[in-house]
PDB file of all heavy atoms in Angstrom:
ATOM      1  N   GLN A   1       0.824  -1.206   0.000  1.00  0.00           N
ATOM      2  CA  GLN A   1       0.000   0.000   0.000  1.00  0.00           C
ATOM      3  C   GLN A   1       0.858   1.256   0.000  1.00  0.00           C
ATOM      4  O   GLN A   1       0.527   2.253  -0.653  1.00  0.00           O
ATOM      5  CB  GLN A   1      -0.942  -0.013   1.210  1.00  0.00           C
ATOM      6  CG  GLN A   1      -2.014  -1.084   1.136  1.00  0.00           C
ATOM      7  CD  GLN A   1      -2.835  -1.198   2.414  1.00  0.00           C
ATOM      8  OE1 GLN A   1      -2.409  -0.728   3.478  1.00  0.00           O
ATOM      9  NE2 GLN A   1      -4.007  -1.805   2.325  1.00  0.00           N
ATOM     10  N   SER A   2       1.969   1.209   0.732  1.00  0.00           N
ATOM     11  CA  SER A   2       2.884   2.345   0.767  1.00  0.00           C
ATOM     12  C   SER A   2       3.513   2.577  -0.603  1.00  0.00           C
ATOM     13  O   SER A   2       3.624   3.721  -1.067  1.00  0.00           O
ATOM     14  CB  SER A   2       3.982   2.097   1.805  1.00  0.00           C
ATOM     15  OG  SER A   2       4.938   3.136   1.797  1.00  0.00           O
ATOM     16  N   GLU A   3       3.902   1.490  -1.270  1.00  0.00           N
ATOM     17  CA  GLU A   3       4.478   1.605  -2.612  1.00  0.00           C
ATOM     18  C   GLU A   3       3.452   2.155  -3.595  1.00  0.00           C
ATOM     19  O   GLU A   3       3.766   3.001  -4.435  1.00  0.00           O
ATOM     20  CB  GLU A   3       4.954   0.218  -3.065  1.00  0.00           C
ATOM     21  CG  GLU A   3       5.538   0.184  -4.466  1.00  0.00           C
ATOM     22  CD  GLU A   3       6.895   0.836  -4.554  1.00  0.00           C
ATOM     23  OE1 GLU A   3       7.400   1.316  -3.519  1.00  0.00           O
ATOM     24  OE2 GLU A   3       7.460   0.875  -5.652  1.00  0.00           O
ATOM     25  N   THR A   4       2.209   1.691  -3.481  1.00  0.00           N
ATOM     26  CA  THR A   4       1.141   2.190  -4.348  1.00  0.00           C
ATOM     27  C   THR A   4       0.930   3.682  -4.143  1.00  0.00           C
ATOM     28  O   THR A   4       0.777   4.442  -5.105  1.00  0.00           O
ATOM     29  CB  THR A   4      -0.172   1.444  -4.056  1.00  0.00           C
ATOM     30  OG1 THR A   4       0.018   0.035  -4.257  1.00  0.00           O
ATOM     31  CG2 THR A   4      -1.289   1.923  -4.974  1.00  0.00           C
ATOM     32  N   ALA A   5       0.938   4.109  -2.886  1.00  0.00           N
ATOM     33  CA  ALA A   5       0.756   5.529  -2.575  1.00  0.00           C
ATOM     34  C   ALA A   5       1.883   6.374  -3.155  1.00  0.00           C
ATOM     35  O   ALA A   5       1.654   7.483  -3.652  1.00  0.00           O
ATOM     36  CB  ALA A   5       0.669   5.725  -1.063  1.00  0.00           C
ATOM     37  N   LYS A   6       3.109   5.848  -3.116  1.00  0.00           N
ATOM     38  CA  LYS A   6       4.246   6.585  -3.668  1.00  0.00           C
ATOM     39  C   LYS A   6       4.104   6.757  -5.177  1.00  0.00           C
ATOM     40  O   LYS A   6       4.383   7.826  -5.727  1.00  0.00           O
ATOM     41  CB  LYS A   6       5.549   5.848  -3.356  1.00  0.00           C
ATOM     42  CG  LYS A   6       5.951   5.907  -1.890  1.00  0.00           C
ATOM     43  CD  LYS A   6       7.225   5.119  -1.638  1.00  0.00           C
ATOM     44  CE  LYS A   6       7.607   5.139  -0.170  1.00  0.00           C
ATOM     45  NZ  LYS A   6       8.831   4.341   0.102  1.00  0.00           N
ATOM     46  N   PHE A   7       3.683   5.692  -5.853  1.00  0.00           N
ATOM     47  CA  PHE A   7       3.485   5.768  -7.292  1.00  0.00           C
ATOM     48  C   PHE A   7       2.365   6.753  -7.626  1.00  0.00           C
ATOM     49  O   PHE A   7       2.462   7.524  -8.576  1.00  0.00           O
ATOM     50  CB  PHE A   7       3.154   4.389  -7.858  1.00  0.00           C
ATOM     51  CG  PHE A   7       4.371   3.575  -8.211  1.00  0.00           C
ATOM     52  CD1 PHE A   7       4.579   2.322  -7.654  1.00  0.00           C
ATOM     53  CD2 PHE A   7       5.303   4.052  -9.114  1.00  0.00           C
ATOM     54  CE1 PHE A   7       5.694   1.568  -7.991  1.00  0.00           C
ATOM     55  CE2 PHE A   7       6.411   3.315  -9.454  1.00  0.00           C
ATOM     56  CZ  PHE A   7       6.619   2.062  -8.887  1.00  0.00           C
ATOM     57  N   GLN A   8       1.292   6.709  -6.846  1.00  0.00           N
ATOM     58  CA  GLN A   8       0.173   7.620  -7.088  1.00  0.00           C
ATOM     59  C   GLN A   8       0.610   9.068  -6.918  1.00  0.00           C
ATOM     60  O   GLN A   8       0.232   9.943  -7.699  1.00  0.00           O
ATOM     61  CB  GLN A   8      -0.984   7.301  -6.138  1.00  0.00           C
ATOM     62  CG  GLN A   8      -1.707   6.012  -6.469  1.00  0.00           C
ATOM     63  CD  GLN A   8      -2.814   5.703  -5.490  1.00  0.00           C
ATOM     64  OE1 GLN A   8      -2.907   6.329  -4.435  1.00  0.00           O
ATOM     65  NE2 GLN A   8      -3.653   4.748  -5.805  1.00  0.00           N
ATOM     66  N   GLU A   9       1.403   9.307  -5.889  1.00  0.00           N
ATOM     67  CA  GLU A   9       1.895  10.664  -5.642  1.00  0.00           C
ATOM     68  C   GLU A   9       2.764  11.141  -6.796  1.00  0.00           C
ATOM     69  O   GLU A   9       2.652  12.286  -7.253  1.00  0.00           O
ATOM     70  CB  GLU A   9       2.690  10.697  -4.337  1.00  0.00           C
ATOM     71  CG  GLU A   9       3.169  12.086  -3.950  1.00  0.00           C
ATOM     72  CD  GLU A   9       3.913  12.098  -2.623  1.00  0.00           C
ATOM     73  OE1 GLU A   9       3.994  11.034  -1.977  1.00  0.00           O
ATOM     74  OE2 GLU A   9       4.415  13.168  -2.241  1.00  0.00           O
ATOM     75  N   ALA A  10       3.636  10.255  -7.290  1.00  0.00           N
ATOM     76  CA  ALA A  10       4.495  10.612  -8.413  1.00  0.00           C
ATOM     77  C   ALA A  10       3.667  10.841  -9.679  1.00  0.00           C
ATOM     78  O   ALA A  10       3.964  11.737 -10.477  1.00  0.00           O
ATOM     79  CB  ALA A  10       5.525   9.508  -8.656  1.00  0.00           C
ATOM     80  N   LEU A  11       2.618  10.038  -9.858  1.00  0.00           N
ATOM     81  CA  LEU A  11       1.741  10.186 -11.017  1.00  0.00           C
ATOM     82  C   LEU A  11       1.008  11.524 -10.976  1.00  0.00           C
ATOM     83  O   LEU A  11       0.965  12.254 -11.979  1.00  0.00           O
ATOM     84  CB  LEU A  11       0.733   9.034 -11.039  1.00  0.00           C
ATOM     85  CG  LEU A  11      -0.346   9.063 -12.121  1.00  0.00           C
ATOM     86  CD1 LEU A  11       0.289   9.050 -13.506  1.00  0.00           C
ATOM     87  CD2 LEU A  11      -1.293   7.885 -11.959  1.00  0.00           C
ATOM     88  N   LEU A  12       0.436  11.837  -9.823  1.00  0.00           N
ATOM     89  CA  LEU A  12      -0.257  13.108  -9.661  1.00  0.00           C
ATOM     90  C   LEU A  12       0.688  14.283  -9.930  1.00  0.00           C
ATOM     91  O   LEU A  12       0.343  15.236 -10.628  1.00  0.00           O
ATOM     92  CB  LEU A  12      -0.823  13.223  -8.246  1.00  0.00           C
ATOM     93  CG  LEU A  12      -2.024  12.343  -7.903  1.00  0.00           C
ATOM     94  CD1 LEU A  12      -2.277  12.366  -6.403  1.00  0.00           C
ATOM     95  CD2 LEU A  12      -3.261  12.811  -8.628  1.00  0.00           C
ATOM     96  N   ASP A  13       1.882  14.179  -9.379  1.00  0.00           N
ATOM     97  CA  ASP A  13       2.857  15.258  -9.528  1.00  0.00           C
ATOM     98  C   ASP A  13       3.239  15.462 -10.991  1.00  0.00           C
ATOM     99  O   ASP A  13       3.299  16.600 -11.467  1.00  0.00           O
ATOM    100  CB  ASP A  13       4.102  14.934  -8.695  1.00  0.00           C
ATOM    101  CG  ASP A  13       5.112  16.055  -8.713  1.00  0.00           C
ATOM    102  OD1 ASP A  13       4.842  17.100  -8.105  1.00  0.00           O
ATOM    103  OD2 ASP A  13       6.180  15.894  -9.339  1.00  0.00           O
ATOM    104  N   SER A  14       3.486  14.374 -11.707  1.00  0.00           N
ATOM    105  CA  SER A  14       3.907  14.495 -13.105  1.00  0.00           C
ATOM    106  C   SER A  14       2.819  15.101 -13.978  1.00  0.00           C
ATOM    107  O   SER A  14       3.087  15.958 -14.827  1.00  0.00           O
ATOM    108  CB  SER A  14       4.325  13.121 -13.657  1.00  0.00           C
ATOM    109  OG  SER A  14       3.203  12.253 -13.776  1.00  0.00           O
ATOM    110  N   ILE A  15       1.566  14.687 -13.751  1.00  0.00           N
ATOM    111  CA  ILE A  15       0.463  15.207 -14.561  1.00  0.00           C
ATOM    112  C   ILE A  15       0.168  16.661 -14.230  1.00  0.00           C
ATOM    113  O   ILE A  15      -0.022  17.495 -15.125  1.00  0.00           O
ATOM    114  CB  ILE A  15      -0.794  14.345 -14.373  1.00  0.00           C
ATOM    115  CG1 ILE A  15      -0.566  12.942 -14.954  1.00  0.00           C
ATOM    116  CG2 ILE A  15      -2.005  14.987 -15.043  1.00  0.00           C
ATOM    117  CD1 ILE A  15      -1.713  12.002 -14.742  1.00  0.00           C
ATOM    118  N   GLN A  16       0.146  16.985 -12.955  1.00  0.00           N
ATOM    119  CA  GLN A  16      -0.154  18.353 -12.557  1.00  0.00           C
ATOM    120  C   GLN A  16       0.918  19.329 -13.034  1.00  0.00           C
ATOM    121  O   GLN A  16       0.599  20.432 -13.490  1.00  0.00           O
ATOM    122  CB  GLN A  16      -0.316  18.424 -11.039  1.00  0.00           C
ATOM    123  CG  GLN A  16      -1.599  17.762 -10.558  1.00  0.00           C
ATOM    124  CD  GLN A  16      -1.718  17.701  -9.046  1.00  0.00           C
ATOM    125  OE1 GLN A  16      -0.721  17.778  -8.336  1.00  0.00           O
ATOM    126  NE2 GLN A  16      -2.934  17.555  -8.554  1.00  0.00           N
ATOM    127  N   HIS A  17       2.185  18.918 -12.961  1.00  0.00           N
ATOM    128  CA  HIS A  17       3.256  19.780 -13.440  1.00  0.00           C
ATOM    129  C   HIS A  17       3.179  19.965 -14.955  1.00  0.00           C
ATOM    130  O   HIS A  17       3.372  21.076 -15.459  1.00  0.00           O
ATOM    131  CB  HIS A  17       4.623  19.199 -13.053  1.00  0.00           C
ATOM    132  CG  HIS A  17       5.072  19.582 -11.685  1.00  0.00           C
ATOM    133  ND1 HIS A  17       4.575  18.989 -10.549  1.00  0.00           N
ATOM    134  CD2 HIS A  17       5.967  20.511 -11.255  1.00  0.00           C
ATOM    135  CE1 HIS A  17       5.144  19.523  -9.483  1.00  0.00           C
ATOM    136  NE2 HIS A  17       5.987  20.448  -9.877  1.00  0.00           N
ATOM    137  N   PHE A  18       2.880  18.878 -15.655  1.00  0.00           N
ATOM    138  CA  PHE A  18       2.784  18.998 -17.112  1.00  0.00           C
ATOM    139  C   PHE A  18       1.627  19.900 -17.513  1.00  0.00           C
ATOM    140  O   PHE A  18       1.776  20.780 -18.369  1.00  0.00           O
ATOM    141  CB  PHE A  18       2.600  17.624 -17.759  1.00  0.00           C
ATOM    142  CG  PHE A  18       2.265  17.714 -19.222  1.00  0.00           C
ATOM    143  CD1 PHE A  18       3.225  18.031 -20.161  1.00  0.00           C
ATOM    144  CD2 PHE A  18       0.952  17.525 -19.659  1.00  0.00           C
ATOM    145  CE1 PHE A  18       2.908  18.154 -21.511  1.00  0.00           C
ATOM    146  CE2 PHE A  18       0.631  17.650 -20.994  1.00  0.00           C
ATOM    147  CZ  PHE A  18       1.611  17.961 -21.926  1.00  0.00           C
ATOM    148  N   LEU A  19       0.464  19.693 -16.899  1.00  0.00           N
ATOM    149  CA  LEU A  19      -0.705  20.489 -17.271  1.00  0.00           C
ATOM    150  C   LEU A  19      -0.530  21.972 -16.914  1.00  0.00           C
ATOM    151  O   LEU A  19      -1.020  22.848 -17.634  1.00  0.00           O
ATOM    152  CB  LEU A  19      -1.957  19.928 -16.592  1.00  0.00           C
ATOM    153  CG  LEU A  19      -2.464  18.594 -17.129  1.00  0.00           C
ATOM    154  CD1 LEU A  19      -3.681  18.124 -16.347  1.00  0.00           C
ATOM    155  CD2 LEU A  19      -2.805  18.694 -18.607  1.00  0.00           C
ATOM    156  N   ALA A  20       0.166  22.230 -15.821  1.00  0.00           N
ATOM    157  CA  ALA A  20       0.409  23.624 -15.439  1.00  0.00           C
ATOM    158  C   ALA A  20       1.231  24.329 -16.521  1.00  0.00           C
ATOM    159  O   ALA A  20       0.958  25.479 -16.884  1.00  0.00           O
ATOM    160  CB  ALA A  20       1.127  23.689 -14.103  1.00  0.00           C
ATOM    161  N   SER A  21       2.231  23.617 -17.049  1.00  0.00           N
ATOM    162  CA  SER A  21       3.056  24.185 -18.119  1.00  0.00           C
ATOM    163  C   SER A  21       2.293  24.225 -19.440  1.00  0.00           C
ATOM    164  O   SER A  21       2.314  25.237 -20.159  1.00  0.00           O
ATOM    165  CB  SER A  21       4.333  23.351 -18.278  1.00  0.00           C
ATOM    166  OG  SER A  21       5.112  23.802 -19.360  1.00  0.00           O
ATOM    167  N   TYR A  22       1.608  23.150 -19.744  1.00  0.00           N
ATOM    168  CA  TYR A  22       0.844  23.038 -20.998  1.00  0.00           C
ATOM    169  C   TYR A  22      -0.216  24.125 -21.109  1.00  0.00           C
ATOM    170  O   TYR A  22      -0.429  24.714 -22.182  1.00  0.00           O
ATOM    171  CB  TYR A  22       0.203  21.647 -21.029  1.00  0.00           C
ATOM    172  CG  TYR A  22      -0.710  21.377 -22.207  1.00  0.00           C
ATOM    173  CD1 TYR A  22      -0.195  20.955 -23.428  1.00  0.00           C
ATOM    174  CD2 TYR A  22      -2.093  21.499 -22.088  1.00  0.00           C
ATOM    175  CE1 TYR A  22      -1.021  20.685 -24.504  1.00  0.00           C
ATOM    176  CE2 TYR A  22      -2.934  21.231 -23.143  1.00  0.00           C
ATOM    177  CZ  TYR A  22      -2.393  20.812 -24.356  1.00  0.00           C
ATOM    178  OH  TYR A  22      -3.228  20.540 -25.424  1.00  0.00           O
ATOM    179  N   ASN A  23      -0.863  24.420 -19.996  1.00  0.00           N
ATOM    180  CA  ASN A  23      -1.998  25.343 -20.020  1.00  0.00           C
ATOM    181  C   ASN A  23      -1.595  26.820 -20.007  1.00  0.00           C
ATOM    182  O   ASN A  23      -2.444  27.696 -20.153  1.00  0.00           O
ATOM    183  CB  ASN A  23      -2.940  25.054 -18.854  1.00  0.00           C
ATOM    184  CG  ASN A  23      -4.367  25.455 -19.154  1.00  0.00           C
ATOM    185  OD1 ASN A  23      -4.852  25.221 -20.261  1.00  0.00           O
ATOM    186  ND2 ASN A  23      -5.042  26.060 -18.193  1.00  0.00           N
ATOM    187  N   LYS A  24      -0.307  27.103 -19.859  1.00  0.00           N
ATOM    188  CA  LYS A  24       0.146  28.490 -19.923  1.00  0.00           C
ATOM    189  C   LYS A  24      -0.150  29.095 -21.294  1.00  0.00           C
ATOM    190  O   LYS A  24      -0.484  30.270 -21.413  1.00  0.00           O
ATOM    191  CB  LYS A  24       1.637  28.564 -19.635  1.00  0.00           C
ATOM    192  CG  LYS A  24       1.994  28.360 -18.168  1.00  0.00           C
ATOM    193  CD  LYS A  24       3.490  28.452 -17.947  1.00  0.00           C
ATOM    194  CE  LYS A  24       3.839  28.239 -16.481  1.00  0.00           C
ATOM    195  NZ  LYS A  24       5.311  28.303 -16.251  1.00  0.00           N
ATOM    196  N   ASP A  25      -0.018  28.258 -22.330  1.00  0.00           N
ATOM    197  CA  ASP A  25      -0.291  28.726 -23.692  1.00  0.00           C
ATOM    198  C   ASP A  25      -1.728  28.457 -24.104  1.00  0.00           C
ATOM    199  O   ASP A  25      -2.337  29.242 -24.833  1.00  0.00           O
ATOM    200  CB  ASP A  25       0.661  28.046 -24.685  1.00  0.00           C
ATOM    201  CG  ASP A  25       2.103  28.454 -24.457  1.00  0.00           C
ATOM    202  OD1 ASP A  25       2.331  29.600 -24.016  1.00  0.00           O
ATOM    203  OD2 ASP A  25       2.995  27.626 -24.706  1.00  0.00           O
ATOM    204  N   LYS A  26      -2.276  27.358 -23.637  1.00  0.00           N
ATOM    205  CA  LYS A  26      -3.609  26.956 -24.102  1.00  0.00           C
ATOM    206  C   LYS A  26      -4.730  27.786 -23.481  1.00  0.00           C
ATOM    207  O   LYS A  26      -5.773  27.989 -24.092  1.00  0.00           O
ATOM    208  CB  LYS A  26      -3.842  25.468 -23.796  1.00  0.00           C
ATOM    209  CG  LYS A  26      -2.849  24.550 -24.475  1.00  0.00           C
ATOM    210  CD  LYS A  26      -2.880  24.685 -25.979  1.00  0.00           C
ATOM    211  CE  LYS A  26      -1.908  23.739 -26.656  1.00  0.00           C
ATOM    212  NZ  LYS A  26      -1.914  23.907 -28.135  1.00  0.00           N
ATOM    213  N   LYS A  27      -4.530  28.252 -22.263  1.00  0.00           N
ATOM    214  CA  LYS A  27      -5.502  29.120 -21.595  1.00  0.00           C
ATOM    215  C   LYS A  27      -6.870  28.476 -21.368  1.00  0.00           C
ATOM    216  O   LYS A  27      -7.900  29.128 -21.475  1.00  0.00           O
ATOM    217  CB  LYS A  27      -5.700  30.429 -22.386  1.00  0.00           C
ATOM    218  CG  LYS A  27      -4.413  31.136 -22.763  1.00  0.00           C
ATOM    219  CD  LYS A  27      -3.664  31.604 -21.531  1.00  0.00           C
ATOM    220  CE  LYS A  27      -2.416  32.391 -21.943  1.00  0.00           C
ATOM    221  NZ  LYS A  27      -1.604  32.796 -20.775  1.00  0.00           N
ATOM    222  N   TYR A  28      -6.890  27.172 -21.058  1.00  0.00           N
ATOM    223  CA  TYR A  28      -8.169  26.519 -20.764  1.00  0.00           C
ATOM    224  C   TYR A  28      -8.652  26.914 -19.371  1.00  0.00           C
ATOM    225  O   TYR A  28      -7.868  27.032 -18.427  1.00  0.00           O
ATOM    226  CB  TYR A  28      -8.031  25.001 -20.827  1.00  0.00           C
ATOM    227  CG  TYR A  28      -7.841  24.459 -22.212  1.00  0.00           C
ATOM    228  CD1 TYR A  28      -6.620  23.897 -22.590  1.00  0.00           C
ATOM    229  CD2 TYR A  28      -8.877  24.502 -23.143  1.00  0.00           C
ATOM    230  CE1 TYR A  28      -6.445  23.395 -23.873  1.00  0.00           C
ATOM    231  CE2 TYR A  28      -8.699  24.003 -24.420  1.00  0.00           C
ATOM    232  CZ  TYR A  28      -7.483  23.457 -24.778  1.00  0.00           C
ATOM    233  OH  TYR A  28      -7.308  22.976 -26.046  1.00  0.00           O
ATOM    234  N   ALA A  29      -9.950  27.112 -19.248  1.00  0.00           N
ATOM    235  CA  ALA A  29     -10.532  27.368 -17.932  1.00  0.00           C
ATOM    236  C   ALA A  29     -10.589  26.076 -17.128  1.00  0.00           C
ATOM    237  O   ALA A  29     -10.342  26.075 -15.925  1.00  0.00           O
ATOM    238  CB  ALA A  29     -11.933  27.949 -18.077  1.00  0.00           C
ATOM    239  N   PHE A  30     -10.930  24.966 -17.812  1.00  0.00           N
ATOM    240  CA  PHE A  30     -10.979  23.662 -17.164  1.00  0.00           C
ATOM    241  C   PHE A  30     -10.454  22.599 -18.121  1.00  0.00           C
ATOM    242  O   PHE A  30     -10.706  22.649 -19.316  1.00  0.00           O
ATOM    243  CB  PHE A  30     -12.414  23.295 -16.751  1.00  0.00           C
ATOM    244  CG  PHE A  30     -13.012  24.211 -15.730  1.00  0.00           C
ATOM    245  CD1 PHE A  30     -13.833  25.247 -16.107  1.00  0.00           C
ATOM    246  CD2 PHE A  30     -12.744  24.029 -14.378  1.00  0.00           C
ATOM    247  CE1 PHE A  30     -14.385  26.102 -15.178  1.00  0.00           C
ATOM    248  CE2 PHE A  30     -13.298  24.878 -13.436  1.00  0.00           C
ATOM    249  CZ  PHE A  30     -14.118  25.916 -13.830  1.00  0.00           C
ATOM    250  N   ILE A  31      -9.754  21.644 -17.555  1.00  0.00           N
ATOM    251  CA  ILE A  31      -9.377  20.435 -18.288  1.00  0.00           C
ATOM    252  C   ILE A  31     -10.010  19.285 -17.523  1.00  0.00           C
ATOM    253  O   ILE A  31      -9.648  18.999 -16.381  1.00  0.00           O
ATOM    254  CB  ILE A  31      -7.854  20.260 -18.373  1.00  0.00           C
ATOM    255  CG1 ILE A  31      -7.235  21.441 -19.120  1.00  0.00           C
ATOM    256  CG2 ILE A  31      -7.521  18.954 -19.100  1.00  0.00           C
ATOM    257  CD1 ILE A  31      -5.718  21.379 -19.209  1.00  0.00           C
ATOM    258  N   LEU A  32     -10.974  18.653 -18.147  1.00  0.00           N
ATOM    259  CA  LEU A  32     -11.761  17.613 -17.485  1.00  0.00           C
ATOM    260  C   LEU A  32     -11.268  16.222 -17.854  1.00  0.00           C
ATOM    261  O   LEU A  32     -10.477  16.047 -18.776  1.00  0.00           O
ATOM    262  CB  LEU A  32     -13.234  17.755 -17.881  1.00  0.00           C
ATOM    263  CG  LEU A  32     -13.863  19.142 -17.677  1.00  0.00           C
ATOM    264  CD1 LEU A  32     -15.298  19.140 -18.194  1.00  0.00           C
ATOM    265  CD2 LEU A  32     -13.816  19.549 -16.219  1.00  0.00           C
ATOM    266  N   THR A  33     -11.766  15.242 -17.128  1.00  0.00           N
ATOM    267  CA  THR A  33     -11.459  13.851 -17.437  1.00  0.00           C
ATOM    268  C   THR A  33     -12.676  13.170 -18.046  1.00  0.00           C
ATOM    269  O   THR A  33     -13.814  13.491 -17.699  1.00  0.00           O
ATOM    270  CB  THR A  33     -11.053  13.076 -16.170  1.00  0.00           C
ATOM    271  OG1 THR A  33     -12.135  13.125 -15.230  1.00  0.00           O
ATOM    272  CG2 THR A  33      -9.814  13.678 -15.538  1.00  0.00           C
ATOM    273  N   LYS A  34     -12.419  12.250 -18.939  1.00  0.00           N
ATOM    274  CA  LYS A  34     -13.502  11.487 -19.566  1.00  0.00           C
ATOM    275  C   LYS A  34     -13.153  10.011 -19.466  1.00  0.00           C
ATOM    276  O   LYS A  34     -12.070   9.584 -19.854  1.00  0.00           O
ATOM    277  CB  LYS A  34     -13.678  11.878 -21.028  1.00  0.00           C
ATOM    278  CG  LYS A  34     -14.848  11.173 -21.745  1.00  0.00           C
ATOM    279  CD  LYS A  34     -15.038  11.740 -23.144  1.00  0.00           C
ATOM    280  CE  LYS A  34     -16.221  11.080 -23.854  1.00  0.00           C
ATOM    281  NZ  LYS A  34     -15.969   9.658 -24.147  1.00  0.00           N
ATOM    282  N   GLN A  35     -14.090   9.255 -18.910  1.00  0.00           N
ATOM    283  CA  GLN A  35     -13.895   7.822 -18.718  1.00  0.00           C
ATOM    284  C   GLN A  35     -15.233   7.122 -18.856  1.00  0.00           C
ATOM    285  O   GLN A  35     -16.270   7.665 -18.442  1.00  0.00           O
ATOM    286  CB  GLN A  35     -13.295   7.551 -17.334  1.00  0.00           C
ATOM    287  CG  GLN A  35     -12.937   6.089 -17.078  1.00  0.00           C
ATOM    288  CD  GLN A  35     -12.364   5.888 -15.690  1.00  0.00           C
ATOM    289  OE1 GLN A  35     -12.716   6.593 -14.753  1.00  0.00           O
ATOM    290  NE2 GLN A  35     -11.475   4.924 -15.547  1.00  0.00           N
ATOM    291  N   LEU A  36     -15.210   5.937 -19.427  1.00  0.00           N
ATOM    292  CA  LEU A  36     -16.443   5.178 -19.606  1.00  0.00           C
ATOM    293  C   LEU A  36     -17.117   4.960 -18.256  1.00  0.00           C
ATOM    294  O   LEU A  36     -16.506   4.501 -17.299  1.00  0.00           O
ATOM    295  CB  LEU A  36     -16.144   3.821 -20.252  1.00  0.00           C
ATOM    296  CG  LEU A  36     -17.357   2.938 -20.565  1.00  0.00           C
ATOM    297  CD1 LEU A  36     -18.251   3.616 -21.600  1.00  0.00           C
ATOM    298  CD2 LEU A  36     -16.901   1.573 -21.081  1.00  0.00           C
ATOM    299  N   GLY A  37     -18.397   5.336 -18.186  1.00  0.00           N
ATOM    300  CA  GLY A  37     -19.148   5.131 -16.959  1.00  0.00           C
ATOM    301  C   GLY A  37     -19.166   6.324 -16.035  1.00  0.00           C
ATOM    302  O   GLY A  37     -19.810   6.277 -14.984  1.00  0.00           O
ATOM    303  N   ASP A  38     -18.474   7.416 -16.407  1.00  0.00           N
ATOM    304  CA  ASP A  38     -18.491   8.584 -15.536  1.00  0.00           C
ATOM    305  C   ASP A  38     -19.665   9.501 -15.881  1.00  0.00           C
ATOM    306  O   ASP A  38     -20.545   9.145 -16.662  1.00  0.00           O
ATOM    307  CB  ASP A  38     -17.156   9.332 -15.591  1.00  0.00           C
ATOM    308  CG  ASP A  38     -16.848   9.885 -16.986  1.00  0.00           C
ATOM    309  OD1 ASP A  38     -17.774   9.967 -17.812  1.00  0.00           O
ATOM    310  OD2 ASP A  38     -15.679  10.234 -17.235  1.00  0.00           O
ATOM    311  N   ASN A  39     -19.687  10.687 -15.318  1.00  0.00           N
ATOM    312  CA  ASN A  39     -20.815  11.599 -15.514  1.00  0.00           C
ATOM    313  C   ASN A  39     -20.782  12.344 -16.841  1.00  0.00           C
ATOM    314  O   ASN A  39     -21.782  12.966 -17.223  1.00  0.00           O
ATOM    315  CB  ASN A  39     -20.862  12.625 -14.368  1.00  0.00           C
ATOM    316  CG  ASN A  39     -21.194  11.976 -13.041  1.00  0.00           C
ATOM    317  OD1 ASN A  39     -21.928  10.995 -12.995  1.00  0.00           O
ATOM    318  ND2 ASN A  39     -20.646  12.505 -11.961  1.00  0.00           N
ATOM    319  N   LEU A  40     -19.651  12.291 -17.522  1.00  0.00           N
ATOM    320  CA  LEU A  40     -19.534  12.973 -18.799  1.00  0.00           C
ATOM    321  C   LEU A  40     -20.000  12.011 -19.897  1.00  0.00           C
ATOM    322  O   LEU A  40     -19.257  11.165 -20.360  1.00  0.00           O
ATOM    323  CB  LEU A  40     -18.081  13.398 -19.047  1.00  0.00           C
ATOM    324  CG  LEU A  40     -17.802  14.262 -20.270  1.00  0.00           C
ATOM    325  CD1 LEU A  40     -18.615  15.554 -20.218  1.00  0.00           C
ATOM    326  CD2 LEU A  40     -16.313  14.587 -20.356  1.00  0.00           C
ATOM    327  N   LEU A  41     -21.248  12.149 -20.312  1.00  0.00           N
ATOM    328  CA  LEU A  41     -21.848  11.204 -21.251  1.00  0.00           C
ATOM    329  C   LEU A  41     -21.476  11.491 -22.694  1.00  0.00           C
ATOM    330  O   LEU A  41     -21.476  10.583 -23.530  1.00  0.00           O
ATOM    331  CB  LEU A  41     -23.379  11.234 -21.102  1.00  0.00           C
ATOM    332  CG  LEU A  41     -23.909  10.844 -19.709  1.00  0.00           C
ATOM    333  CD1 LEU A  41     -25.429  10.928 -19.690  1.00  0.00           C
ATOM    334  CD2 LEU A  41     -23.456   9.441 -19.344  1.00  0.00           C
ATOM    335  N   TYR A  42     -21.181  12.746 -23.011  1.00  0.00           N
ATOM    336  CA  TYR A  42     -20.819  13.094 -24.383  1.00  0.00           C
ATOM    337  C   TYR A  42     -19.831  14.252 -24.375  1.00  0.00           C
ATOM    338  O   TYR A  42     -19.932  15.163 -23.555  1.00  0.00           O
ATOM    339  CB  TYR A  42     -22.056  13.498 -25.195  1.00  0.00           C
ATOM    340  CG  TYR A  42     -21.698  14.035 -26.572  1.00  0.00           C
ATOM    341  CD1 TYR A  42     -21.368  13.174 -27.610  1.00  0.00           C
ATOM    342  CD2 TYR A  42     -21.654  15.410 -26.786  1.00  0.00           C
ATOM    343  CE1 TYR A  42     -21.008  13.672 -28.854  1.00  0.00           C
ATOM    344  CE2 TYR A  42     -21.298  15.914 -28.035  1.00  0.00           C
ATOM    345  CZ  TYR A  42     -20.980  15.033 -29.062  1.00  0.00           C
ATOM    346  OH  TYR A  42     -20.613  15.526 -30.292  1.00  0.00           O
ATOM    347  N   ALA A  43     -18.870  14.201 -25.286  1.00  0.00           N
ATOM    348  CA  ALA A  43     -17.899  15.291 -25.436  1.00  0.00           C
ATOM    349  C   ALA A  43     -17.496  15.371 -26.901  1.00  0.00           C
ATOM    350  O   ALA A  43     -17.178  14.360 -27.524  1.00  0.00           O
ATOM    351  CB  ALA A  43     -16.681  15.053 -24.555  1.00  0.00           C
ATOM    352  N   ASP A  44     -17.514  16.581 -27.445  1.00  0.00           N
ATOM    353  CA  ASP A  44     -17.107  16.812 -28.826  1.00  0.00           C
ATOM    354  C   ASP A  44     -15.606  16.549 -28.965  1.00  0.00           C
ATOM    355  O   ASP A  44     -14.803  16.995 -28.138  1.00  0.00           O
ATOM    356  CB  ASP A  44     -17.417  18.265 -29.202  1.00  0.00           C
ATOM    357  CG  ASP A  44     -17.291  18.511 -30.704  1.00  0.00           C
ATOM    358  OD1 ASP A  44     -16.329  17.994 -31.315  1.00  0.00           O
ATOM    359  OD2 ASP A  44     -18.141  19.233 -31.245  1.00  0.00           O
TER     360      ASP A  44
END
């Protein structure tokens, strides 16, 4: 469980850092997630 938590923390950190840099130019108000079975039923 400790190893899983470490990987999750590293995963969160890598994505958040990338999106922070990526969004400096893109200027999105929100970047959402889409996954089968979630609340987002349709996305263009």
